[in-house]
PDB file of N, CA and C in Angstrom:
ATOM      1  N   MET A   1      87.417  28.044  98.405  1.00  0.00           N
ATOM      2  CA  MET A   1      87.676  29.072  99.394  1.00  0.00           C
ATOM      3  C   MET A   1      87.019  28.638 100.706  1.00  0.00           C
ATOM      4  N   HIS A   2      87.691  28.895 101.747  1.00  0.00           N
ATOM      5  CA  HIS A   2      87.209  28.544 103.084  1.00  0.00           C
ATOM      6  C   HIS A   2      86.095  29.519 103.470  1.00  0.00           C
ATOM      7  N   PRO A   3      85.024  29.032 104.110  1.00  0.00           N
ATOM      8  CA  PRO A   3      83.906  29.920 104.477  1.00  0.00           C
ATOM      9  C   PRO A   3      84.324  31.076 105.381  1.00  0.00           C
ATOM     10  N   MET A   4      85.336  30.889 106.210  1.00  0.00           N
ATOM     11  CA  MET A   4      85.789  31.972 107.102  1.00  0.00           C
ATOM     12  C   MET A   4      86.402  33.126 106.309  1.00  0.00           C
ATOM     13  N   HIS A   5      87.063  32.790 105.193  1.00  0.00           N
ATOM     14  CA  HIS A   5      87.667  33.845 104.381  1.00  0.00           C
ATOM     15  C   HIS A   5      86.598  34.795 103.845  1.00  0.00           C
ATOM     16  N   GLY A   6      85.471  34.245 103.441  1.00  0.00           N
ATOM     17  CA  GLY A   6      84.373  35.067 102.948  1.00  0.00           C
ATOM     18  C   GLY A   6      83.806  35.960 104.035  1.00  0.00           C
ATOM     19  N   LEU A   7      83.695  35.449 105.253  1.00  0.00           N
ATOM     20  CA  LEU A   7      83.185  36.253 106.369  1.00  0.00           C
ATOM     21  C   LEU A   7      84.155  37.372 106.735  1.00  0.00           C
ATOM     22  N   VAL A   8      85.447  37.046 106.759  1.00  0.00           N
ATOM     23  CA  VAL A   8      86.464  38.059 107.064  1.00  0.00           C
ATOM     24  C   VAL A   8      86.449  39.138 105.992  1.00  0.00           C
ATOM     25  N   TYR A   9      86.360  38.707 104.733  1.00  0.00           N
ATOM     26  CA  TYR A   9      86.317  39.667 103.625  1.00  0.00           C
ATOM     27  C   TYR A   9      85.110  40.595 103.769  1.00  0.00           C
ATOM     28  N   GLU A  10      83.946  40.040 104.005  1.00  0.00           N
ATOM     29  CA  GLU A  10      82.730  40.846 104.123  1.00  0.00           C
ATOM     30  C   GLU A  10      82.813  41.812 105.307  1.00  0.00           C
ATOM     31  N   GLU A  11      83.366  41.337 106.424  1.00  0.00           N
ATOM     32  CA  GLU A  11      83.506  42.206 107.607  1.00  0.00           C
ATOM     33  C   GLU A  11      84.447  43.370 107.308  1.00  0.00           C
ATOM     34  N   ARG A  12      85.575  43.058 106.697  1.00  0.00           N
ATOM     35  CA  ARG A  12      86.536  44.126 106.354  1.00  0.00           C
ATOM     36  C   ARG A  12      85.957  45.066 105.305  1.00  0.00           C
ATOM     37  N   ARG A  13      85.217  44.515 104.363  1.00  0.00           N
ATOM     38  CA  ARG A  13      84.585  45.348 103.337  1.00  0.00           C
ATOM     39  C   ARG A  13      83.591  46.305 103.988  1.00  0.00           C
ATOM     40  N   LYS A  14      82.789  45.795 104.909  1.00  0.00           N
ATOM     41  CA  LYS A  14      81.805  46.616 105.614  1.00  0.00           C
ATOM     42  C   LYS A  14      82.512  47.727 106.401  1.00  0.00           C
ATOM     43  N   GLU A  15      83.600  47.380 107.100  1.00  0.00           N
ATOM     44  CA  GLU A  15      84.366  48.382 107.855  1.00  0.00           C
ATOM     45  C   GLU A  15      84.959  49.432 106.922  1.00  0.00           C
ATOM     46  N   SER A  16      85.475  48.981 105.785  1.00  0.00           N
ATOM     47  CA  SER A  16      86.065  49.913 104.818  1.00  0.00           C
ATOM     48  C   SER A  16      85.017  50.862 104.252  1.00  0.00           C
ATOM     49  N   LEU A  17      83.841  50.337 103.935  1.00  0.00           N
ATOM     50  CA  LEU A  17      82.773  51.189 103.411  1.00  0.00           C
ATOM     51  C   LEU A  17      82.318  52.210 104.444  1.00  0.00           C
ATOM     52  N   LYS A  18      82.243  51.795 105.710  1.00  0.00           N
ATOM     53  CA  LYS A  18      81.871  52.730 106.773  1.00  0.00           C
ATOM     54  C   LYS A  18      82.939  53.810 106.921  1.00  0.00           C
ATOM     55  N   LEU A  19      84.205  53.390 106.881  1.00  0.00           N
ATOM     56  CA  LEU A  19      85.303  54.352 106.980  1.00  0.00           C
ATOM     57  C   LEU A  19      85.257  55.342 105.818  1.00  0.00           C
ATOM     58  N   MET A  20      84.971  54.851 104.625  1.00  0.00           N
ATOM     59  CA  MET A  20      84.877  55.736 103.459  1.00  0.00           C
ATOM     60  C   MET A  20      83.712  56.718 103.610  1.00  0.00           C
ATOM     61  N   ALA A  21      82.591  56.258 104.127  1.00  0.00           N
ATOM     62  CA  ALA A  21      81.432  57.141 104.331  1.00  0.00           C
ATOM     63  C   ALA A  21      81.745  58.199 105.384  1.00  0.00           C
ATOM     64  N   ASP A  22      82.398  57.791 106.468  1.00  0.00           N
ATOM     65  CA  ASP A  22      82.782  58.752 107.511  1.00  0.00           C
ATOM     66  C   ASP A  22      83.756  59.788 106.955  1.00  0.00           C
ATOM     67  N   THR A  23      84.701  59.308 106.162  1.00  0.00           N
ATOM     68  CA  THR A  23      85.687  60.213 105.563  1.00  0.00           C
ATOM     69  C   THR A  23      85.006  61.208 104.630  1.00  0.00           C
ATOM     70  N   GLU A  24      84.059  60.738 103.841  1.00  0.00           N
ATOM     71  CA  GLU A  24      83.326  61.627 102.930  1.00  0.00           C
ATOM     72  C   GLU A  24      82.529  62.669 103.713  1.00  0.00           C
ATOM     73  N   SER A  25      81.940  62.259 104.817  1.00  0.00           N
ATOM     74  CA  SER A  25      81.186  63.188 105.657  1.00  0.00           C
ATOM     75  C   SER A  25      82.104  64.266 106.225  1.00  0.00           C
ATOM     76  N   ARG A  26      83.268  63.852 106.711  1.00  0.00           N
ATOM     77  CA  ARG A  26      84.225  64.831 107.251  1.00  0.00           C
ATOM     78  C   ARG A  26      84.741  65.755 106.158  1.00  0.00           C
ATOM     79  N   ARG A  27      84.949  65.208 104.952  1.00  0.00           N
ATOM     80  CA  ARG A  27      85.410  66.032 103.838  1.00  0.00           C
ATOM     81  C   ARG A  27      84.361  67.089 103.494  1.00  0.00           C
ATOM     82  N   ALA A  28      83.095  66.711 103.522  1.00  0.00           N
ATOM     83  CA  ALA A  28      82.016  67.665 103.245  1.00  0.00           C
ATOM     84  C   ALA A  28      81.985  68.768 104.302  1.00  0.00           C
ATOM     85  N   GLN A  29      82.191  68.398 105.563  1.00  0.00           N
ATOM     86  CA  GLN A  29      82.233  69.401 106.638  1.00  0.00           C
ATOM     87  C   GLN A  29      83.418  70.342 106.443  1.00  0.00           C
ATOM     88  N   ILE A  30      84.553  69.782 106.074  1.00  0.00           N
ATOM     89  CA  ILE A  30      85.747  70.602 105.842  1.00  0.00           C
ATOM     90  C   ILE A  30      85.512  71.552 104.678  1.00  0.00           C
ATOM     91  N   ASP A  31      84.873  71.059 103.607  1.00  0.00           N
ATOM     92  CA  ASP A  31      84.559  71.926 102.465  1.00  0.00           C
ATOM     93  C   ASP A  31      83.668  73.088 102.886  1.00  0.00           C
ATOM     94  N   GLU A  32      82.698  72.808 103.739  1.00  0.00           N
ATOM     95  CA  GLU A  32      81.793  73.860 104.220  1.00  0.00           C
ATOM     96  C   GLU A  32      82.557  74.901 105.038  1.00  0.00           C
ATOM     97  N   VAL A  33      83.424  74.437 105.927  1.00  0.00           N
ATOM     98  CA  VAL A  33      84.228  75.349 106.746  1.00  0.00           C
ATOM     99  C   VAL A  33      85.155  76.173 105.853  1.00  0.00           C
ATOM    100  N   MET A  34      85.761  75.535 104.869  1.00  0.00           N
ATOM    101  CA  MET A  34      86.650  76.257 103.950  1.00  0.00           C
ATOM    102  C   MET A  34      85.884  77.331 103.181  1.00  0.00           C
ATOM    103  N   SER A  35      84.653  77.037 102.817  1.00  0.00           N
ATOM    104  CA  SER A  35      83.828  78.017 102.115  1.00  0.00           C
ATOM    105  C   SER A  35      83.558  79.232 102.998  1.00  0.00           C
ATOM    106  N   VAL A  36      83.242  78.988 104.259  1.00  0.00           N
ATOM    107  CA  VAL A  36      83.000  80.086 105.203  1.00  0.00           C
ATOM    108  C   VAL A  36      84.278  80.902 105.391  1.00  0.00           C
ATOM    109  N   ILE A  37      85.404  80.225 105.544  1.00  0.00           N
ATOM    110  CA  ILE A  37      86.681  80.916 105.740  1.00  0.00           C
ATOM    111  C   ILE A  37      87.019  81.759 104.517  1.00  0.00           C
ATOM    112  N   THR A  38      86.817  81.209 103.328  1.00  0.00           N
ATOM    113  CA  THR A  38      87.099  81.949 102.098  1.00  0.00           C
ATOM    114  C   THR A  38      86.226  83.196 102.002  1.00  0.00           C
ATOM    115  N   SER A  39      84.967  83.060 102.370  1.00  0.00           N
ATOM    116  CA  SER A  39      84.055  84.204 102.355  1.00  0.00           C
ATOM    117  C   SER A  39      84.514  85.281 103.336  1.00  0.00           C
ATOM    118  N   LYS A  40      84.879  84.869 104.547  1.00  0.00           N
ATOM    119  CA  LYS A  40      85.348  85.825 105.556  1.00  0.00           C
ATOM    120  C   LYS A  40      86.628  86.509 105.097  1.00  0.00           C
ATOM    121  N   LEU A  41      87.532  85.754 104.463  1.00  0.00           N
ATOM    122  CA  LEU A  41      88.772  86.348 103.962  1.00  0.00           C
ATOM    123  C   LEU A  41      88.480  87.410 102.907  1.00  0.00           C
ATOM    124  N   SER A  42      87.498  87.158 102.058  1.00  0.00           N
ATOM    125  CA  SER A  42      87.115  88.151 101.049  1.00  0.00           C
ATOM    126  C   SER A  42      86.587  89.417 101.717  1.00  0.00           C
ATOM    127  N   GLU A  43      85.754  89.236 102.733  1.00  0.00           N
ATOM    128  CA  GLU A  43      85.228  90.392 103.468  1.00  0.00           C
ATOM    129  C   GLU A  43      86.363  91.169 104.133  1.00  0.00           C
ATOM    130  N   LEU A  44      87.280  90.453 104.758  1.00  0.00           N
ATOM    131  CA  LEU A  44      88.400  91.113 105.438  1.00  0.00           C
ATOM    132  C   LEU A  44      89.290  91.847 104.444  1.00  0.00           C
ATOM    133  N   ASP A  45      89.481  91.276 103.260  1.00  0.00           N
ATOM    134  CA  ASP A  45      90.296  91.936 102.249  1.00  0.00           C
ATOM    135  C   ASP A  45      89.629  93.230 101.790  1.00  0.00           C
ATOM    136  N   ALA A  46      88.312  93.189 101.616  1.00  0.00           N
ATOM    137  CA  ALA A  46      87.582  94.406 101.237  1.00  0.00           C
ATOM    138  C   ALA A  46      87.685  95.452 102.346  1.00  0.00           C
ATOM    139  N   ASP A  47      87.559  95.025 103.598  1.00  0.00           N
ATOM    140  CA  ASP A  47      87.699  95.945 104.732  1.00  0.00           C
ATOM    141  C   ASP A  47      89.106  96.540 104.789  1.00  0.00           C
ATOM    142  N   ARG A  48      90.116  95.708 104.503  1.00  0.00           N
ATOM    143  CA  ARG A  48      91.503  96.184 104.518  1.00  0.00           C
ATOM    144  C   ARG A  48      91.706  97.267 103.461  1.00  0.00           C
ATOM    145  N   LYS A  49      91.162  97.043 102.267  1.00  0.00           N
ATOM    146  CA  LYS A  49      91.288  98.034 101.191  1.00  0.00           C
ATOM    147  C   LYS A  49      90.574  99.331 101.566  1.00  0.00           C
ATOM    148  N   GLU A  50      89.390  99.204 102.145  1.00  0.00           N
ATOM    149  CA  GLU A  50      88.634 100.388 102.567  1.00  0.00           C
ATOM    150  C   GLU A  50      89.404 101.163 103.635  1.00  0.00           C
ATOM    151  N   LEU A  51      89.996 100.451 104.578  1.00  0.00           N
ATOM    152  CA  LEU A  51      90.778 101.094 105.632  1.00  0.00           C
ATOM    153  C   LEU A  51      91.990 101.814 105.049  1.00  0.00           C
ATOM    154  N   ALA A  52      92.670 101.196 104.090  1.00  0.00           N
ATOM    155  CA  ALA A  52      93.836 101.826 103.464  1.00  0.00           C
ATOM    156  C   ALA A  52      93.428 103.117 102.758  1.00  0.00           C
ATOM    157  N   GLU A  53      92.283 103.096 102.064  1.00  0.00           N
ATOM    158  CA  GLU A  53      91.790 104.305 101.398  1.00  0.00           C
ATOM    159  C   GLU A  53      91.454 105.381 102.425  1.00  0.00           C
ATOM    160  N   TYR A  54      90.810 104.984 103.517  1.00  0.00           N
ATOM    161  CA  TYR A  54      90.455 105.927 104.575  1.00  0.00           C
ATOM    162  C   TYR A  54      91.715 106.546 105.173  1.00  0.00           C
ATOM    163  N   GLN A  55      92.718 105.720 105.457  1.00  0.00           N
ATOM    164  CA  GLN A  55      93.947 106.227 106.062  1.00  0.00           C
ATOM    165  C   GLN A  55      94.678 107.178 105.119  1.00  0.00           C
ATOM    166  N   ALA A  56      94.684 106.869 103.823  1.00  0.00           N
ATOM    167  CA  ALA A  56      95.323 107.752 102.850  1.00  0.00           C
ATOM    168  C   ALA A  56      94.592 109.091 102.797  1.00  0.00           C
ATOM    169  N   ARG A  57      93.269 109.042 102.786  1.00  0.00           N
ATOM    170  CA  ARG A  57      92.471 110.280 102.754  1.00  0.00           C
ATOM    171  C   ARG A  57      92.668 111.084 104.037  1.00  0.00           C
ATOM    172  N   LEU A  58      92.712 110.403 105.184  1.00  0.00           N
ATOM    173  CA  LEU A  58      92.934 111.081 106.457  1.00  0.00           C
ATOM    174  C   LEU A  58      94.293 111.773 106.473  1.00  0.00           C
ATOM    175  N   GLN A  59      95.310 111.089 105.989  1.00  0.00           N
ATOM    176  CA  GLN A  59      96.652 111.682 105.952  1.00  0.00           C
ATOM    177  C   GLN A  59      96.671 112.908 105.039  1.00  0.00           C
ATOM    178  N   GLU A  60      95.990 112.805 103.903  1.00  0.00           N
ATOM    179  CA  GLU A  60      95.913 113.938 102.985  1.00  0.00           C
ATOM    180  C   GLU A  60      95.225 115.128 103.654  1.00  0.00           C
ATOM    181  N   LEU A  61      94.124 114.880 104.337  1.00  0.00           N
ATOM    182  CA  LEU A  61      93.396 115.962 105.008  1.00  0.00           C
ATOM    183  C   LEU A  61      94.207 116.564 106.154  1.00  0.00           C
ATOM    184  N   GLN A  62      94.932 115.730 106.888  1.00  0.00           N
ATOM    185  CA  GLN A  62      95.768 116.247 107.970  1.00  0.00           C
ATOM    186  C   GLN A  62      96.891 117.122 107.423  1.00  0.00           C
ATOM    187  N   SER A  63      97.441 116.744 106.281  1.00  0.00           N
ATOM    188  CA  SER A  63      98.483 117.564 105.655  1.00  0.00           C
ATOM    189  C   SER A  63      97.913 118.905 105.211  1.00  0.00           C
ATOM    190  N   ARG A  64      96.728 118.867 104.597  1.00  0.00           N
ATOM    191  CA  ARG A  64      96.096 120.113 104.164  1.00  0.00           C
ATOM    192  C   ARG A  64      95.763 121.000 105.361  1.00  0.00           C
ATOM    193  N   LYS A  65      95.318 120.377 106.461  1.00  0.00           N
ATOM    194  CA  LYS A  65      95.005 121.134 107.672  1.00  0.00           C
ATOM    195  C   LYS A  65      96.253 121.830 108.203  1.00  0.00           C
ATOM    196  N   ALA A  66      97.376 121.117 108.215  1.00  0.00           N
ATOM    197  CA  ALA A  66      98.623 121.710 108.707  1.00  0.00           C
ATOM    198  C   ALA A  66      99.035 122.896 107.844  1.00  0.00           C
ATOM    199  N   VAL A  67      98.885 122.765 106.531  1.00  0.00           N
ATOM    200  CA  VAL A  67      99.225 123.871 105.626  1.00  0.00           C
ATOM    201  C   VAL A  67      98.307 125.057 105.885  1.00  0.00           C
ATOM    202  N   LEU A  68      97.010 124.810 106.022  1.00  0.00           N
ATOM    203  CA  LEU A  68      96.062 125.895 106.269  1.00  0.00           C
ATOM    204  C   LEU A  68      96.321 126.575 107.615  1.00  0.00           C
ATOM    205  N   GLU A  69      96.643 125.782 108.637  1.00  0.00           N
ATOM    206  CA  GLU A  69      96.951 126.376 109.939  1.00  0.00           C
ATOM    207  C   GLU A  69      98.206 127.244 109.862  1.00  0.00           C
ATOM    208  N   ALA A  70      99.189 126.801 109.086  1.00  0.00           N
ATOM    209  CA  ALA A  70     100.402 127.606 108.912  1.00  0.00           C
ATOM    210  C   ALA A  70     100.071 128.900 108.168  1.00  0.00           C
ATOM    211  N   ASP A  71      99.231 128.798 107.136  1.00  0.00           N
ATOM    212  CA  ASP A  71      98.829 129.992 106.389  1.00  0.00           C
ATOM    213  C   ASP A  71      98.067 130.966 107.289  1.00  0.00           C
ATOM    214  N   ILE A  72      97.183 130.457 108.127  1.00  0.00           N
ATOM    215  CA  ILE A  72      96.440 131.311 109.059  1.00  0.00           C
ATOM    216  C   ILE A  72      97.403 131.995 110.022  1.00  0.00           C
ATOM    217  N   GLY A  73      98.370 131.251 110.523  1.00  0.00           N
ATOM    218  CA  GLY A  73      99.368 131.844 111.420  1.00  0.00           C
ATOM    219  C   GLY A  73     100.140 132.958 110.739  1.00  0.00           C
ATOM    220  N   ASP A  74     100.540 132.734 109.476  1.00  0.00           N
ATOM    221  CA  ASP A  74     101.253 133.769 108.721  1.00  0.00           C
ATOM    222  C   ASP A  74     100.375 135.004 108.531  1.00  0.00           C
ATOM    223  N   LEU A  75      99.104 134.791 108.186  1.00  0.00           N
ATOM    224  CA  LEU A  75      98.193 135.920 107.991  1.00  0.00           C
ATOM    225  C   LEU A  75      97.974 136.687 109.291  1.00  0.00           C
ATOM    226  N   GLU A  76      97.855 135.959 110.400  1.00  0.00           N
ATOM    227  CA  GLU A  76      97.682 136.633 111.688  1.00  0.00           C
ATOM    228  C   GLU A  76      98.906 137.480 112.022  1.00  0.00           C
ATOM    229  N   GLU A  77     100.094 136.988 111.708  1.00  0.00           N
ATOM    230  CA  GLU A  77     101.320 137.765 111.959  1.00  0.00           C
ATOM    231  C   GLU A  77     101.346 139.015 111.097  1.00  0.00           C
ATOM    232  N   LYS A  78     100.968 138.879 109.826  1.00  0.00           N
ATOM    233  CA  LYS A  78     100.968 140.028 108.919  1.00  0.00           C
ATOM    234  C   LYS A  78      99.948 141.070 109.368  1.00  0.00           C
ATOM    235  N   VAL A  79      98.755 140.592 109.746  1.00  0.00           N
ATOM    236  CA  VAL A  79      97.723 141.519 110.206  1.00  0.00           C
ATOM    237  C   VAL A  79      98.189 142.194 111.491  1.00  0.00           C
ATOM    238  N   GLY A  80      98.781 141.431 112.384  1.00  0.00           N
ATOM    239  CA  GLY A  80      99.273 141.994 113.644  1.00  0.00           C
ATOM    240  C   GLY A  80     100.375 143.012 113.414  1.00  0.00           C
ATOM    241  N   ALA A  81     101.238 142.769 112.432  1.00  0.00           N
ATOM    242  CA  ALA A  81     102.335 143.695 112.148  1.00  0.00           C
ATOM    243  C   ALA A  81     101.827 144.956 111.461  1.00  0.00           C
ATOM    244  N   SER A  82     100.838 144.806 110.583  1.00  0.00           N
ATOM    245  CA  SER A  82     100.369 145.983 109.858  1.00  0.00           C
ATOM    246  C   SER A  82      99.305 146.750 110.631  1.00  0.00           C
ATOM    247  N   CYS A  83      98.602 146.110 111.536  1.00  0.00           N
ATOM    248  CA  CYS A  83      97.572 146.773 112.332  1.00  0.00           C
ATOM    249  C   CYS A  83      97.767 146.400 113.797  1.00  0.00           C
ATOM    250  N   PRO A  84      98.707 147.003 114.492  1.00  0.00           N
ATOM    251  CA  PRO A  84      98.983 146.620 115.868  1.00  0.00           C
ATOM    252  C   PRO A  84      97.774 146.796 116.787  1.00  0.00           C
ATOM    253  N   ASP A  85      96.831 147.704 116.464  1.00  0.00           N
ATOM    254  CA  ASP A  85      95.693 147.899 117.357  1.00  0.00           C
ATOM    255  C   ASP A  85      94.718 146.707 117.294  1.00  0.00           C
ATOM    256  N   LEU A  86      94.791 145.857 116.233  1.00  0.00           N
ATOM    257  CA  LEU A  86      93.902 144.697 116.134  1.00  0.00           C
ATOM    258  C   LEU A  86      94.430 143.501 116.929  1.00  0.00           C
ATOM    259  N   ALA A  87      95.687 143.494 117.210  1.00  0.00           N
ATOM    260  CA  ALA A  87      96.286 142.336 117.873  1.00  0.00           C
ATOM    261  C   ALA A  87      95.961 142.275 119.325  1.00  0.00           C
TER     262      ALA A  87
END
């Protein structure tokens, strides 16, 4: 084997090993970012579920309020009709 072939091989091997180390470092950074993103997504999903429950409860309470206001209006009309001096 020619001595230059050994030098070229070693140089390329060194470059390849450096490239592999850099790639591994970037992969580790990406894994860390993915972990943070996954955690945030879990938090957002929990917040979304909580918001949906809140909105359902709010809608239920607003419906009950409308029914109660209608009942109060009916009672006020009945009281006004049966006792005109109170109106």
